[in-house]
C-alpha cells in the first residue's frame, strides 16, 4: 500500500528576513533558496563566507525572522552541534522560525542524546 506524501509548504512569507545556512556556492543545483546565504566556500551566490562550525558567527543577534538550512546540519560534528543550535537561536528574532532539513533527523538527534551533556 503506497503512502501519499503531503507536500511541505515553506512557512516564510514575502518580506521575512530569512538567512540560509550552508546553501552552497550557487550553481546548477538551484541552491541557495534564500539570501543572504552563508557557506564555507566562496561562490557566485555566497553572501557571507564563514565556516559555520566556528562560533560565534559574524551575524547580529535577533537579526533574522527565519533561518533555513537544507542538508547542511548533518555535516556538523556532534561535538559542535550544541554551539551551532545556540547560534541559530541567537540570530533568530523573537517569534522567528528555523527550518532545518536534514537527511536523517532521527539518527542525528539520537547521536546528540547519546553523547550526553
C-alpha atoms as a PDB file:
ATOM      1  CA  UNK A   1       0.000   0.000   0.000  1.00  0.00           C
ATOM      2  CA  UNK A   2       1.510   3.316  -1.094  1.00  0.00           C
ATOM      3  CA  UNK A   3       1.635   6.213   1.330  1.00  0.00           C
ATOM      4  CA  UNK A   4       0.625   9.556  -0.093  1.00  0.00           C
ATOM      5  CA  UNK A   5       3.050  12.324   0.830  1.00  0.00           C
ATOM      6  CA  UNK A   6       1.777  15.742   1.800  1.00  0.00           C
ATOM      7  CA  UNK A   7       3.825  18.485   0.162  1.00  0.00           C
ATOM      8  CA  UNK A   8       5.766  20.675   2.554  1.00  0.00           C
ATOM      9  CA  UNK A   9       4.837  24.342   2.435  1.00  0.00           C
ATOM     10  CA  UNK A  10       7.604  26.685   3.475  1.00  0.00           C
ATOM     11  CA  UNK A  11       6.379  28.879   6.339  1.00  0.00           C
ATOM     12  CA  UNK A  12       8.269  32.018   5.310  1.00  0.00           C
ATOM     13  CA  UNK A  13       6.428  34.815   3.549  1.00  0.00           C
ATOM     14  CA  UNK A  14       7.412  37.760   1.412  1.00  0.00           C
ATOM     15  CA  UNK A  15       9.147  40.387   3.489  1.00  0.00           C
ATOM     16  CA  UNK A  16      10.564  37.949   6.049  1.00  0.00           C
ATOM     17  CA  UNK A  17      14.295  38.346   6.549  1.00  0.00           C
ATOM     18  CA  UNK A  18      15.471  34.742   6.076  1.00  0.00           C
ATOM     19  CA  UNK A  19      19.081  33.586   6.061  1.00  0.00           C
ATOM     20  CA  UNK A  20      20.227  30.315   4.539  1.00  0.00           C
ATOM     21  CA  UNK A  21      22.973  28.338   6.241  1.00  0.00           C
ATOM     22  CA  UNK A  22      25.210  26.173   4.059  1.00  0.00           C
ATOM     23  CA  UNK A  23      23.266  26.910   0.890  1.00  0.00           C
ATOM     24  CA  UNK A  24      26.193  26.155  -1.388  1.00  0.00           C
ATOM     25  CA  UNK A  25      28.015  28.308  -3.889  1.00  0.00           C
ATOM     26  CA  UNK A  26      25.112  28.826  -6.277  1.00  0.00           C
ATOM     27  CA  UNK A  27      25.293  26.544  -9.268  1.00  0.00           C
ATOM     28  CA  UNK A  28      23.125  24.284 -11.423  1.00  0.00           C
ATOM     29  CA  UNK A  29      21.508  22.756  -8.298  1.00  0.00           C
ATOM     30  CA  UNK A  30      19.391  25.862  -7.787  1.00  0.00           C
ATOM     31  CA  UNK A  31      20.868  26.431  -4.352  1.00  0.00           C
ATOM     32  CA  UNK A  32      20.594  28.580  -2.323  1.00  0.00           C
ATOM     33  CA  UNK A  33      16.903  29.254  -1.874  1.00  0.00           C
ATOM     34  CA  UNK A  34      17.214  32.250   0.469  1.00  0.00           C
ATOM     35  CA  UNK A  35      19.560  35.209   0.682  1.00  0.00           C
ATOM     36  CA  UNK A  36      21.729  36.056   2.425  1.00  0.00           C
ATOM     37  CA  UNK A  37      23.440  32.716   2.059  1.00  0.00           C
ATOM     38  CA  UNK A  38      26.300  31.681   4.371  1.00  0.00           C
ATOM     39  CA  UNK A  39      28.704  28.998   3.190  1.00  0.00           C
ATOM     40  CA  UNK A  40      32.266  27.921   3.946  1.00  0.00           C
ATOM     41  CA  UNK A  41      33.172  28.220   0.265  1.00  0.00           C
ATOM     42  CA  UNK A  42      33.015  31.341  -1.866  1.00  0.00           C
ATOM     43  CA  UNK A  43      30.704  31.266  -4.848  1.00  0.00           C
ATOM     44  CA  UNK A  44      28.509  33.475  -7.006  1.00  0.00           C
ATOM     45  CA  UNK A  45      25.590  33.241  -4.573  1.00  0.00           C
ATOM     46  CA  UNK A  46      27.509  33.183  -1.281  1.00  0.00           C
ATOM     47  CA  UNK A  47      26.937  36.426   0.586  1.00  0.00           C
ATOM     48  CA  UNK A  48      28.952  35.578   3.697  1.00  0.00           C
ATOM     49  CA  UNK A  49      31.912  33.191   3.609  1.00  0.00           C
ATOM     50  CA  UNK A  50      32.198  31.584   7.032  1.00  0.00           C
ATOM     51  CA  UNK A  51      32.762  28.086   8.428  1.00  0.00           C
ATOM     52  CA  UNK A  52      29.539  27.714  10.417  1.00  0.00           C
ATOM     53  CA  UNK A  53      31.098  25.153  12.725  1.00  0.00           C
ATOM     54  CA  UNK A  54      33.165  28.033  14.133  1.00  0.00           C
ATOM     55  CA  UNK A  55      31.161  30.057  16.647  1.00  0.00           C
ATOM     56  CA  UNK A  56      30.231  32.768  17.330  1.00  0.00           C
ATOM     57  CA  UNK A  57      29.041  33.630  13.850  1.00  0.00           C
ATOM     58  CA  UNK A  58      29.594  37.108  12.373  1.00  0.00           C
ATOM     59  CA  UNK A  59      25.854  37.822  12.488  1.00  0.00           C
ATOM     60  CA  UNK A  60      23.914  40.170  14.748  1.00  0.00           C
ATOM     61  CA  UNK A  61      21.647  38.819  17.488  1.00  0.00           C
ATOM     62  CA  UNK A  62      17.936  38.658  16.564  1.00  0.00           C
ATOM     63  CA  UNK A  63      18.683  39.822  13.035  1.00  0.00           C
ATOM     64  CA  UNK A  64      16.513  37.359  11.077  1.00  0.00           C
ATOM     65  CA  UNK A  65      12.857  36.325  11.081  1.00  0.00           C
ATOM     66  CA  UNK A  66      13.892  32.924   9.856  1.00  0.00           C
ATOM     67  CA  UNK A  67      16.735  30.520   9.328  1.00  0.00           C
ATOM     68  CA  UNK A  68      16.676  27.902   6.605  1.00  0.00           C
ATOM     69  CA  UNK A  69      19.107  25.053   6.068  1.00  0.00           C
ATOM     70  CA  UNK A  70      18.818  22.065   3.789  1.00  0.00           C
ATOM     71  CA  UNK A  71      21.185  19.093   4.121  1.00  0.00           C
ATOM     72  CA  UNK A  72      23.860  21.063   5.955  1.00  0.00           C
ATOM     73  CA  UNK A  73      23.263  20.342   9.639  1.00  0.00           C
ATOM     74  CA  UNK A  74      24.183  16.669   9.332  1.00  0.00           C
ATOM     75  CA  UNK A  75      27.713  17.733   8.357  1.00  0.00           C
ATOM     76  CA  UNK A  76      28.289  19.418  11.730  1.00  0.00           C
ATOM     77  CA  UNK A  77      30.197  17.325  14.249  1.00  0.00           C
ATOM     78  CA  UNK A  78      28.053  16.083  17.133  1.00  0.00           C
ATOM     79  CA  UNK A  79      30.646  17.740  19.397  1.00  0.00           C
ATOM     80  CA  UNK A  80      29.787  21.160  17.932  1.00  0.00           C
ATOM     81  CA  UNK A  81      26.050  20.814  17.392  1.00  0.00           C
ATOM     82  CA  UNK A  82      25.011  22.461  20.663  1.00  0.00           C
ATOM     83  CA  UNK A  83      27.035  25.582  19.807  1.00  0.00           C
ATOM     84  CA  UNK A  84      25.552  25.669  16.308  1.00  0.00           C
ATOM     85  CA  UNK A  85      21.972  25.336  17.598  1.00  0.00           C
ATOM     86  CA  UNK A  86      22.700  28.069  20.169  1.00  0.00           C
ATOM     87  CA  UNK A  87      23.876  30.349  17.339  1.00  0.00           C
ATOM     88  CA  UNK A  88      20.729  29.652  15.321  1.00  0.00           C
ATOM     89  CA  UNK A  89      18.668  30.530  18.385  1.00  0.00           C
ATOM     90  CA  UNK A  90      20.727  33.703  18.905  1.00  0.00           C
ATOM     91  CA  UNK A  91      20.325  35.096  15.384  1.00  0.00           C
ATOM     92  CA  UNK A  92      16.557  34.459  15.124  1.00  0.00           C
ATOM     93  CA  UNK A  93      14.379  37.307  16.336  1.00  0.00           C
ATOM     94  CA  UNK A  94      11.728  36.557  18.964  1.00  0.00           C
ATOM     95  CA  UNK A  95       8.815  34.817  17.263  1.00  0.00           C
ATOM     96  CA  UNK A  96      11.058  33.748  14.380  1.00  0.00           C
ATOM     97  CA  UNK A  97      11.366  30.248  12.986  1.00  0.00           C
ATOM     98  CA  UNK A  98      14.157  27.873  11.993  1.00  0.00           C
ATOM     99  CA  UNK A  99      13.548  25.263   9.299  1.00  0.00           C
ATOM    100  CA  UNK A 100      16.334  22.688   9.319  1.00  0.00           C
ATOM    101  CA  UNK A 101      16.052  19.928   6.728  1.00  0.00           C
ATOM    102  CA  UNK A 102      18.380  17.002   7.302  1.00  0.00           C
ATOM    103  CA  UNK A 103      18.872  13.607   5.749  1.00  0.00           C
ATOM    104  CA  UNK A 104      18.120  11.551   8.839  1.00  0.00           C
ATOM    105  CA  UNK A 105      16.833  13.648  11.726  1.00  0.00           C
ATOM    106  CA  UNK A 106      16.174  10.653  13.982  1.00  0.00           C
ATOM    107  CA  UNK A 107      19.765   9.377  13.758  1.00  0.00           C
ATOM    108  CA  UNK A 108      21.196  12.858  14.263  1.00  0.00           C
ATOM    109  CA  UNK A 109      19.060  13.504  17.359  1.00  0.00           C
ATOM    110  CA  UNK A 110      19.918  10.079  18.771  1.00  0.00           C
ATOM    111  CA  UNK A 111      23.653  10.883  18.478  1.00  0.00           C
ATOM    112  CA  UNK A 112      23.120  14.147  20.346  1.00  0.00           C
ATOM    113  CA  UNK A 113      21.136  12.464  23.137  1.00  0.00           C
ATOM    114  CA  UNK A 114      23.572   9.545  23.385  1.00  0.00           C
ATOM    115  CA  UNK A 115      26.528  11.937  23.666  1.00  0.00           C
ATOM    116  CA  UNK A 116      25.051  13.377  26.875  1.00  0.00           C
ATOM    117  CA  UNK A 117      25.633  16.837  28.309  1.00  0.00           C
END
